[in-house]
Amino acid sequence: MALEAIINRDGVYKVVLQERPEGVYVFLFPSPENRMSLRDDLQDDWTIAKRCSARRYGTTEDMWREIPDTGLMARSDVPAEAKMRAEVKATQADNHK
C-alpha cells in the first residue's frame, strides 16, 4: 500500500508513504514530473511515518489518499543506511525470540 499527500510548497510537491517489509518509507518529491525522491526516511510503522511527515512537511490526515503501490523504490535500491537499519531491526527481533 502507498499513500500520497500533495503539499506543493517550499520546494516540495508531494510526500509519499510506502510500506515495505522493513517498515514504511517517507519519500519527498520536488515536482509532479520527478520520479526520484529528494529524500527517503524509513519509519517503523504507518503511525510514525505520518507523524514524521506532519512534523517535517505539514501534512494533515485529510491530505492523504491511497495510490497504487508502483514500486517507487525497489528494495534493491534502498540506500545503504536504510538497509543497515532494516538488518539491525531484524537482528534485534531475532534476539528477542
PDB file of N, CA and C in Angstrom:
ATOM      1  N   MET A   1       0.836  -1.174   0.000  1.00  0.00           N
ATOM      2  CA  MET A   1       0.000   0.000   0.000  1.00  0.00           C
ATOM      3  C   MET A   1       0.886   1.245   0.000  1.00  0.00           C
ATOM      4  N   ALA A   2       0.365   2.322  -0.568  1.00  0.00           N
ATOM      5  CA  ALA A   2       1.068   3.600  -0.588  1.00  0.00           C
ATOM      6  C   ALA A   2       0.047   4.723  -0.415  1.00  0.00           C
ATOM      7  N   LEU A   3       0.478   5.789   0.229  1.00  0.00           N
ATOM      8  CA  LEU A   3      -0.343   6.982   0.414  1.00  0.00           C
ATOM      9  C   LEU A   3       0.420   8.182  -0.131  1.00  0.00           C
ATOM     10  N   GLU A   4      -0.338   9.156  -0.633  1.00  0.00           N
ATOM     11  CA  GLU A   4       0.254  10.350  -1.205  1.00  0.00           C
ATOM     12  C   GLU A   4      -0.434  11.579  -0.624  1.00  0.00           C
ATOM     13  N   ALA A   5       0.355  12.610  -0.340  1.00  0.00           N
ATOM     14  CA  ALA A   5      -0.177  13.908   0.078  1.00  0.00           C
ATOM     15  C   ALA A   5       0.479  14.972  -0.797  1.00  0.00           C
ATOM     16  N   ILE A   6      -0.330  15.737  -1.501  1.00  0.00           N
ATOM     17  CA  ILE A   6       0.177  16.833  -2.327  1.00  0.00           C
ATOM     18  C   ILE A   6       0.261  18.070  -1.436  1.00  0.00           C
ATOM     19  N   ILE A   7       1.472  18.636  -1.303  1.00  0.00           N
ATOM     20  CA  ILE A   7       1.609  19.820  -0.458  1.00  0.00           C
ATOM     21  C   ILE A   7       2.029  21.055  -1.260  1.00  0.00           C
ATOM     22  N   ASN A   8       2.784  20.889  -2.314  1.00  0.00           N
ATOM     23  CA  ASN A   8       3.120  21.930  -3.281  1.00  0.00           C
ATOM     24  C   ASN A   8       3.546  23.261  -2.651  1.00  0.00           C
ATOM     25  N   ARG A   9       4.561  23.199  -1.791  1.00  0.00           N
ATOM     26  CA  ARG A   9       5.105  24.420  -1.190  1.00  0.00           C
ATOM     27  C   ARG A   9       6.544  24.188  -0.730  1.00  0.00           C
ATOM     28  N   ASP A  10       7.287  25.271  -0.647  1.00  0.00           N
ATOM     29  CA  ASP A  10       8.669  25.240  -0.154  1.00  0.00           C
ATOM     30  C   ASP A  10       9.535  24.203  -0.854  1.00  0.00           C
ATOM     31  N   GLY A  11       9.398  24.082  -2.183  1.00  0.00           N
ATOM     32  CA  GLY A  11      10.212  23.151  -2.947  1.00  0.00           C
ATOM     33  C   GLY A  11       9.816  21.694  -2.826  1.00  0.00           C
ATOM     34  N   VAL A  12       8.687  21.447  -2.190  1.00  0.00           N
ATOM     35  CA  VAL A  12       8.192  20.077  -2.033  1.00  0.00           C
ATOM     36  C   VAL A  12       6.826  19.980  -2.703  1.00  0.00           C
ATOM     37  N   TYR A  13       6.716  19.072  -3.684  1.00  0.00           N
ATOM     38  CA  TYR A  13       5.428  18.888  -4.353  1.00  0.00           C
ATOM     39  C   TYR A  13       4.557  17.879  -3.613  1.00  0.00           C
ATOM     40  N   LYS A  14       5.155  16.724  -3.296  1.00  0.00           N
ATOM     41  CA  LYS A  14       4.352  15.696  -2.626  1.00  0.00           C
ATOM     42  C   LYS A  14       5.207  14.846  -1.704  1.00  0.00           C
ATOM     43  N   VAL A  15       4.491  14.208  -0.779  1.00  0.00           N
ATOM     44  CA  VAL A  15       5.084  13.235   0.138  1.00  0.00           C
ATOM     45  C   VAL A  15       4.371  11.918  -0.133  1.00  0.00           C
ATOM     46  N   VAL A  16       5.129  10.846  -0.245  1.00  0.00           N
ATOM     47  CA  VAL A  16       4.554   9.514  -0.460  1.00  0.00           C
ATOM     48  C   VAL A  16       5.023   8.601   0.673  1.00  0.00           C
ATOM     49  N   LEU A  17       4.069   7.887   1.252  1.00  0.00           N
ATOM     50  CA  LEU A  17       4.386   6.859   2.246  1.00  0.00           C
ATOM     51  C   LEU A  17       4.215   5.522   1.560  1.00  0.00           C
ATOM     52  N   GLN A  18       5.197   4.655   1.710  1.00  0.00           N
ATOM     53  CA  GLN A  18       5.136   3.356   1.042  1.00  0.00           C
ATOM     54  C   GLN A  18       5.589   2.266   1.997  1.00  0.00           C
ATOM     55  N   GLU A  19       4.747   1.258   2.152  1.00  0.00           N
ATOM     56  CA  GLU A  19       5.052   0.144   3.056  1.00  0.00           C
ATOM     57  C   GLU A  19       5.939  -0.877   2.363  1.00  0.00           C
ATOM     58  N   ARG A  20       6.941  -1.305   3.089  1.00  0.00           N
ATOM     59  CA  ARG A  20       7.857  -2.350   2.656  1.00  0.00           C
ATOM     60  C   ARG A  20       8.058  -3.298   3.838  1.00  0.00           C
ATOM     61  N   PRO A  21       8.632  -4.470   3.617  1.00  0.00           N
ATOM     62  CA  PRO A  21       8.817  -5.418   4.729  1.00  0.00           C
ATOM     63  C   PRO A  21       9.588  -4.832   5.906  1.00  0.00           C
ATOM     64  N   GLU A  22      10.525  -3.926   5.644  1.00  0.00           N
ATOM     65  CA  GLU A  22      11.349  -3.371   6.715  1.00  0.00           C
ATOM     66  C   GLU A  22      10.702  -2.181   7.426  1.00  0.00           C
ATOM     67  N   GLY A  23       9.579  -1.689   6.938  1.00  0.00           N
ATOM     68  CA  GLY A  23       8.896  -0.563   7.567  1.00  0.00           C
ATOM     69  C   GLY A  23       8.164   0.276   6.544  1.00  0.00           C
ATOM     70  N   VAL A  24       7.934   1.552   6.868  1.00  0.00           N
ATOM     71  CA  VAL A  24       7.227   2.476   5.986  1.00  0.00           C
ATOM     72  C   VAL A  24       8.190   3.602   5.604  1.00  0.00           C
ATOM     73  N   TYR A  25       8.370   3.783   4.308  1.00  0.00           N
ATOM     74  CA  TYR A  25       9.243   4.837   3.816  1.00  0.00           C
ATOM     75  C   TYR A  25       8.454   6.128   3.628  1.00  0.00           C
ATOM     76  N   VAL A  26       9.095   7.246   3.959  1.00  0.00           N
ATOM     77  CA  VAL A  26       8.559   8.580   3.711  1.00  0.00           C
ATOM     78  C   VAL A  26       9.411   9.162   2.589  1.00  0.00           C
ATOM     79  N   PHE A  27       8.809   9.296   1.394  1.00  0.00           N
ATOM     80  CA  PHE A  27       9.512   9.830   0.226  1.00  0.00           C
ATOM     81  C   PHE A  27       9.086  11.268  -0.010  1.00  0.00           C
ATOM     82  N   LEU A  28      10.012  12.100  -0.418  1.00  0.00           N
ATOM     83  CA  LEU A  28       9.777  13.508  -0.671  1.00  0.00           C
ATOM     84  C   LEU A  28      10.096  13.809  -2.128  1.00  0.00           C
ATOM     85  N   PHE A  29       9.115  14.353  -2.878  1.00  0.00           N
ATOM     86  CA  PHE A  29       9.293  14.641  -4.296  1.00  0.00           C
ATOM     87  C   PHE A  29       9.178  16.146  -4.557  1.00  0.00           C
ATOM     88  N   PRO A  30      10.114  16.708  -5.348  1.00  0.00           N
ATOM     89  CA  PRO A  30      10.126  18.151  -5.581  1.00  0.00           C
ATOM     90  C   PRO A  30       9.133  18.650  -6.628  1.00  0.00           C
ATOM     91  N   SER A  31       8.665  17.768  -7.522  1.00  0.00           N
ATOM     92  CA  SER A  31       7.772  18.199  -8.594  1.00  0.00           C
ATOM     93  C   SER A  31       6.925  17.030  -9.063  1.00  0.00           C
ATOM     94  N   PRO A  32       5.820  17.311  -9.782  1.00  0.00           N
ATOM     95  CA  PRO A  32       4.968  16.223 -10.282  1.00  0.00           C
ATOM     96  C   PRO A  32       5.692  15.332 -11.296  1.00  0.00           C
ATOM     97  N   GLU A  33       6.641  15.909 -12.020  1.00  0.00           N
ATOM     98  CA  GLU A  33       7.349  15.156 -13.064  1.00  0.00           C
ATOM     99  C   GLU A  33       8.461  14.273 -12.506  1.00  0.00           C
ATOM    100  N   ASN A  34       8.945  14.597 -11.346  1.00  0.00           N
ATOM    101  CA  ASN A  34      10.115  13.923 -10.795  1.00  0.00           C
ATOM    102  C   ASN A  34       9.744  12.571 -10.196  1.00  0.00           C
ATOM    103  N   ARG A  35      10.380  11.516 -10.683  1.00  0.00           N
ATOM    104  CA  ARG A  35      10.143  10.156 -10.172  1.00  0.00           C
ATOM    105  C   ARG A  35      11.175   9.759  -9.115  1.00  0.00           C
ATOM    106  N   MET A  36      12.228  10.547  -8.966  1.00  0.00           N
ATOM    107  CA  MET A  36      13.252  10.264  -7.965  1.00  0.00           C
ATOM    108  C   MET A  36      12.999  11.141  -6.745  1.00  0.00           C
ATOM    109  N   SER A  37      12.979  10.520  -5.590  1.00  0.00           N
ATOM    110  CA  SER A  37      12.724  11.289  -4.380  1.00  0.00           C
ATOM    111  C   SER A  37      13.969  12.059  -3.952  1.00  0.00           C
ATOM    112  N   LEU A  38      13.727  13.219  -3.350  1.00  0.00           N
ATOM    113  CA  LEU A  38      14.818  14.015  -2.795  1.00  0.00           C
ATOM    114  C   LEU A  38      15.335  13.394  -1.510  1.00  0.00           C
ATOM    115  N   ARG A  39      14.432  12.735  -0.819  1.00  0.00           N
ATOM    116  CA  ARG A  39      14.756  12.200   0.496  1.00  0.00           C
ATOM    117  C   ARG A  39      13.871  10.990   0.757  1.00  0.00           C
ATOM    118  N   ASP A  40      14.383  10.049   1.503  1.00  0.00           N
ATOM    119  CA  ASP A  40      13.557   8.941   1.969  1.00  0.00           C
ATOM    120  C   ASP A  40      13.990   8.577   3.382  1.00  0.00           C
ATOM    121  N   ASP A  41      13.006   8.472   4.235  1.00  0.00           N
ATOM    122  CA  ASP A  41      13.237   8.097   5.627  1.00  0.00           C
ATOM    123  C   ASP A  41      12.480   6.812   5.908  1.00  0.00           C
ATOM    124  N   LEU A  42      13.111   5.886   6.574  1.00  0.00           N
ATOM    125  CA  LEU A  42      12.461   4.641   6.966  1.00  0.00           C
ATOM    126  C   LEU A  42      11.921   4.785   8.385  1.00  0.00           C
ATOM    127  N   GLN A  43      10.628   4.542   8.529  1.00  0.00           N
ATOM    128  CA  GLN A  43       9.982   4.588   9.839  1.00  0.00           C
ATOM    129  C   GLN A  43       9.450   3.194  10.174  1.00  0.00           C
ATOM    130  N   ASP A  44       9.209   2.932  11.443  1.00  0.00           N
ATOM    131  CA  ASP A  44       8.780   1.600  11.879  1.00  0.00           C
ATOM    132  C   ASP A  44       7.378   1.225  11.418  1.00  0.00           C
ATOM    133  N   ASP A  45       6.452   2.207  11.383  1.00  0.00           N
ATOM    134  CA  ASP A  45       5.070   1.879  11.026  1.00  0.00           C
ATOM    135  C   ASP A  45       4.368   3.109  10.457  1.00  0.00           C
ATOM    136  N   TRP A  46       3.093   2.919  10.058  1.00  0.00           N
ATOM    137  CA  TRP A  46       2.305   3.994   9.440  1.00  0.00           C
ATOM    138  C   TRP A  46       2.132   5.186  10.379  1.00  0.00           C
ATOM    139  N   THR A  47       1.863   4.921  11.637  1.00  0.00           N
ATOM    140  CA  THR A  47       1.625   5.999  12.597  1.00  0.00           C
ATOM    141  C   THR A  47       2.841   6.900  12.721  1.00  0.00           C
ATOM    142  N   ILE A  48       4.004   6.300  12.859  1.00  0.00           N
ATOM    143  CA  ILE A  48       5.236   7.079  12.993  1.00  0.00           C
ATOM    144  C   ILE A  48       5.552   7.804  11.682  1.00  0.00           C
ATOM    145  N   ALA A  49       5.324   7.145  10.546  1.00  0.00           N
ATOM    146  CA  ALA A  49       5.585   7.769   9.243  1.00  0.00           C
ATOM    147  C   ALA A  49       4.695   9.000   9.044  1.00  0.00           C
ATOM    148  N   LYS A  50       3.425   8.885   9.403  1.00  0.00           N
ATOM    149  CA  LYS A  50       2.510  10.025   9.264  1.00  0.00           C
ATOM    150  C   LYS A  50       2.896  11.148  10.222  1.00  0.00           C
ATOM    151  N   ARG A  51       3.290  10.797  11.428  1.00  0.00           N
ATOM    152  CA  ARG A  51       3.707  11.801  12.406  1.00  0.00           C
ATOM    153  C   ARG A  51       4.962  12.524  11.921  1.00  0.00           C
ATOM    154  N   CYS A  52       5.904  11.780  11.375  1.00  0.00           N
ATOM    155  CA  CYS A  52       7.139  12.356  10.828  1.00  0.00           C
ATOM    156  C   CYS A  52       6.809  13.324   9.684  1.00  0.00           C
ATOM    157  N   SER A  53       5.927  12.915   8.795  1.00  0.00           N
ATOM    158  CA  SER A  53       5.541  13.751   7.670  1.00  0.00           C
ATOM    159  C   SER A  53       4.822  15.021   8.138  1.00  0.00           C
ATOM    160  N   ALA A  54       3.962  14.883   9.132  1.00  0.00           N
ATOM    161  CA  ALA A  54       3.245  16.050   9.660  1.00  0.00           C
ATOM    162  C   ALA A  54       4.213  17.056  10.266  1.00  0.00           C
ATOM    163  N   ARG A  55       5.150  16.553  11.027  1.00  0.00           N
ATOM    164  CA  ARG A  55       6.114  17.417  11.699  1.00  0.00           C
ATOM    165  C   ARG A  55       7.052  18.105  10.692  1.00  0.00           C
ATOM    166  N   ARG A  56       7.545  17.351   9.725  1.00  0.00           N
ATOM    167  CA  ARG A  56       8.540  17.903   8.795  1.00  0.00           C
ATOM    168  C   ARG A  56       7.936  18.698   7.646  1.00  0.00           C
ATOM    169  N   TYR A  57       6.777  18.228   7.135  1.00  0.00           N
ATOM    170  CA  TYR A  57       6.246  18.806   5.893  1.00  0.00           C
ATOM    171  C   TYR A  57       4.852  19.417   6.037  1.00  0.00           C
ATOM    172  N   GLY A  58       4.269  19.326   7.222  1.00  0.00           N
ATOM    173  CA  GLY A  58       2.970  19.949   7.452  1.00  0.00           C
ATOM    174  C   GLY A  58       1.781  19.191   6.904  1.00  0.00           C
ATOM    175  N   THR A  59       1.926  17.916   6.663  1.00  0.00           N
ATOM    176  CA  THR A  59       0.784  17.139   6.174  1.00  0.00           C
ATOM    177  C   THR A  59      -0.235  16.955   7.290  1.00  0.00           C
ATOM    178  N   THR A  60      -1.489  16.815   6.886  1.00  0.00           N
ATOM    179  CA  THR A  60      -2.573  16.543   7.828  1.00  0.00           C
ATOM    180  C   THR A  60      -3.285  15.271   7.376  1.00  0.00           C
ATOM    181  N   GLU A  61      -4.018  14.666   8.277  1.00  0.00           N
ATOM    182  CA  GLU A  61      -4.669  13.377   7.982  1.00  0.00           C
ATOM    183  C   GLU A  61      -5.574  13.454   6.752  1.00  0.00           C
ATOM    184  N   ASP A  62      -6.268  14.571   6.565  1.00  0.00           N
ATOM    185  CA  ASP A  62      -7.202  14.689   5.433  1.00  0.00           C
ATOM    186  C   ASP A  62      -6.499  14.861   4.082  1.00  0.00           C
ATOM    187  N   MET A  63      -5.184  15.067   4.083  1.00  0.00           N
ATOM    188  CA  MET A  63      -4.437  15.233   2.834  1.00  0.00           C
ATOM    189  C   MET A  63      -4.082  13.895   2.178  1.00  0.00           C
ATOM    190  N   TRP A  64      -4.070  12.816   2.935  1.00  0.00           N
ATOM    191  CA  TRP A  64      -3.605  11.530   2.413  1.00  0.00           C
ATOM    192  C   TRP A  64      -4.656  10.882   1.535  1.00  0.00           C
ATOM    193  N   ARG A  65      -4.194  10.321   0.413  1.00  0.00           N
ATOM    194  CA  ARG A  65      -5.067   9.498  -0.429  1.00  0.00           C
ATOM    195  C   ARG A  65      -4.283   8.260  -0.850  1.00  0.00           C
ATOM    196  N   GLU A  66      -4.991   7.160  -0.930  1.00  0.00           N
ATOM    197  CA  GLU A  66      -4.336   5.916  -1.313  1.00  0.00           C
ATOM    198  C   GLU A  66      -4.019   5.942  -2.803  1.00  0.00           C
ATOM    199  N   ILE A  67      -2.833   5.483  -3.140  1.00  0.00           N
ATOM    200  CA  ILE A  67      -2.395   5.387  -4.532  1.00  0.00           C
ATOM    201  C   ILE A  67      -1.878   3.977  -4.766  1.00  0.00           C
ATOM    202  N   PRO A  68      -1.823   3.542  -6.028  1.00  0.00           N
ATOM    203  CA  PRO A  68      -1.265   2.215  -6.310  1.00  0.00           C
ATOM    204  C   PRO A  68       0.189   2.149  -5.870  1.00  0.00           C
ATOM    205  N   ASP A  69       0.569   1.024  -5.330  1.00  0.00           N
ATOM    206  CA  ASP A  69       1.963   0.804  -4.957  1.00  0.00           C
ATOM    207  C   ASP A  69       2.707   0.461  -6.239  1.00  0.00           C
ATOM    208  N   THR A  70       3.360   1.458  -6.807  1.00  0.00           N
ATOM    209  CA  THR A  70       4.002   1.293  -8.111  1.00  0.00           C
ATOM    210  C   THR A  70       5.460   0.900  -8.015  1.00  0.00           C
ATOM    211  N   GLY A  71       5.902   0.550  -6.816  1.00  0.00           N
ATOM    212  CA  GLY A  71       7.310   0.197  -6.664  1.00  0.00           C
ATOM    213  C   GLY A  71       8.194   1.417  -6.842  1.00  0.00           C
ATOM    214  N   LEU A  72       7.822   2.529  -6.221  1.00  0.00           N
ATOM    215  CA  LEU A  72       8.601   3.765  -6.345  1.00  0.00           C
ATOM    216  C   LEU A  72      10.071   3.519  -6.083  1.00  0.00           C
ATOM    217  N   MET A  73      10.346   2.612  -5.163  1.00  0.00           N
ATOM    218  CA  MET A  73      11.742   2.304  -4.857  1.00  0.00           C
ATOM    219  C   MET A  73      11.826   0.818  -4.524  1.00  0.00           C
ATOM    220  N   ALA A  74      12.440   0.072  -5.394  1.00  0.00           N
ATOM    221  CA  ALA A  74      12.592  -1.362  -5.156  1.00  0.00           C
ATOM    222  C   ALA A  74      13.526  -1.588  -3.976  1.00  0.00           C
ATOM    223  N   ARG A  75      13.344  -2.688  -3.280  1.00  0.00           N
ATOM    224  CA  ARG A  75      14.173  -2.980  -2.113  1.00  0.00           C
ATOM    225  C   ARG A  75      15.665  -2.911  -2.451  1.00  0.00           C
ATOM    226  N   SER A  76      16.030  -3.338  -3.634  1.00  0.00           N
ATOM    227  CA  SER A  76      17.448  -3.325  -4.010  1.00  0.00           C
ATOM    228  C   SER A  76      17.987  -1.906  -4.189  1.00  0.00           C
ATOM    229  N   ASP A  77      17.091  -0.904  -4.296  1.00  0.00           N
ATOM    230  CA  ASP A  77      17.512   0.476  -4.469  1.00  0.00           C
ATOM    231  C   ASP A  77      17.558   1.260  -3.167  1.00  0.00           C
ATOM    232  N   VAL A  78      17.211   0.599  -2.068  1.00  0.00           N
ATOM    233  CA  VAL A  78      17.178   1.289  -0.785  1.00  0.00           C
ATOM    234  C   VAL A  78      18.594   1.712  -0.411  1.00  0.00           C
ATOM    235  N   PRO A  79      18.759   2.950   0.039  1.00  0.00           N
ATOM    236  CA  PRO A  79      20.097   3.413   0.420  1.00  0.00           C
ATOM    237  C   PRO A  79      20.731   2.526   1.490  1.00  0.00           C
ATOM    238  N   ALA A  80      22.046   2.529   1.534  1.00  0.00           N
ATOM    239  CA  ALA A  80      22.787   1.660   2.456  1.00  0.00           C
ATOM    240  C   ALA A  80      22.375   1.871   3.906  1.00  0.00           C
ATOM    241  N   GLU A  81      22.143   3.108   4.299  1.00  0.00           N
ATOM    242  CA  GLU A  81      21.753   3.386   5.679  1.00  0.00           C
ATOM    243  C   GLU A  81      20.435   2.710   6.037  1.00  0.00           C
ATOM    244  N   ALA A  82      19.479   2.771   5.130  1.00  0.00           N
ATOM    245  CA  ALA A  82      18.187   2.143   5.379  1.00  0.00           C
ATOM    246  C   ALA A  82      18.315   0.623   5.408  1.00  0.00           C
ATOM    247  N   LYS A  83      19.146   0.071   4.535  1.00  0.00           N
ATOM    248  CA  LYS A  83      19.369  -1.370   4.546  1.00  0.00           C
ATOM    249  C   LYS A  83      19.971  -1.800   5.880  1.00  0.00           C
ATOM    250  N   MET A  84      20.949  -1.029   6.355  1.00  0.00           N
ATOM    251  CA  MET A  84      21.586  -1.357   7.619  1.00  0.00           C
ATOM    252  C   MET A  84      20.567  -1.290   8.764  1.00  0.00           C
ATOM    253  N   ARG A  85      19.718  -0.267   8.743  1.00  0.00           N
ATOM    254  CA  ARG A  85      18.697  -0.140   9.784  1.00  0.00           C
ATOM    255  C   ARG A  85      17.749  -1.340   9.766  1.00  0.00           C
ATOM    256  N   ALA A  86      17.364  -1.781   8.577  1.00  0.00           N
ATOM    257  CA  ALA A  86      16.478  -2.932   8.452  1.00  0.00           C
ATOM    258  C   ALA A  86      17.156  -4.201   8.981  1.00  0.00           C
ATOM    259  N   GLU A  87      18.449  -4.341   8.705  1.00  0.00           N
ATOM    260  CA  GLU A  87      19.190  -5.510   9.189  1.00  0.00           C
ATOM    261  C   GLU A  87      19.302  -5.501  10.709  1.00  0.00           C
ATOM    262  N   VAL A  88      19.553  -4.332  11.288  1.00  0.00           N
ATOM    263  CA  VAL A  88      19.633  -4.215  12.745  1.00  0.00           C
ATOM    264  C   VAL A  88      18.289  -4.562  13.367  1.00  0.00           C
ATOM    265  N   LYS A  89      17.221  -4.048  12.779  1.00  0.00           N
ATOM    266  CA  LYS A  89      15.872  -4.324  13.282  1.00  0.00           C
ATOM    267  C   LYS A  89      15.582  -5.829  13.243  1.00  0.00           C
ATOM    268  N   ALA A  90      15.955  -6.486  12.155  1.00  0.00           N
ATOM    269  CA  ALA A  90      15.730  -7.918  12.026  1.00  0.00           C
ATOM    270  C   ALA A  90      16.549  -8.697  13.056  1.00  0.00           C
ATOM    271  N   THR A  91      17.784  -8.290  13.265  1.00  0.00           N
ATOM    272  CA  THR A  91      18.647  -8.937  14.249  1.00  0.00           C
ATOM    273  C   THR A  91      18.082  -8.782  15.658  1.00  0.00           C
ATOM    274  N   GLN A  92      17.598  -7.594  15.973  1.00  0.00           N
ATOM    275  CA  GLN A  92      17.000  -7.350  17.293  1.00  0.00           C
ATOM    276  C   GLN A  92      15.760  -8.220  17.478  1.00  0.00           C
ATOM    277  N   ALA A  93      14.956  -8.351  16.441  1.00  0.00           N
ATOM    278  CA  ALA A  93      13.758  -9.190  16.523  1.00  0.00           C
ATOM    279  C   ALA A  93      14.132 -10.650  16.755  1.00  0.00           C
ATOM    280  N   ASP A  94      15.196 -11.124  16.067  1.00  0.00           N
ATOM    281  CA  ASP A  94      15.659 -12.489  16.242  1.00  0.00           C
ATOM    282  C   ASP A  94      16.179 -12.724  17.670  1.00  0.00           C
ATOM    283  N   ASN A  95      16.837 -11.735  18.228  1.00  0.00           N
ATOM    284  CA  ASN A  95      17.387 -11.852  19.564  1.00  0.00           C
ATOM    285  C   ASN A  95      16.311 -11.900  20.651  1.00  0.00           C
ATOM    286  N   HIS A  96      15.140 -11.381  20.354  1.00  0.00           N
ATOM    287  CA  HIS A  96      14.045 -11.363  21.327  1.00  0.00           C
ATOM    288  C   HIS A  96      13.137 -12.568  21.218  1.00  0.00           C
ATOM    289  N   LYS A  97      13.456 -13.493  20.346  1.00  0.00           N
ATOM    290  CA  LYS A  97      12.614 -14.702  20.186  1.00  0.00           C
ATOM    291  C   LYS A  97      12.914 -15.697  21.273  1.00  0.00           C
TER     292      LYS A  97
END
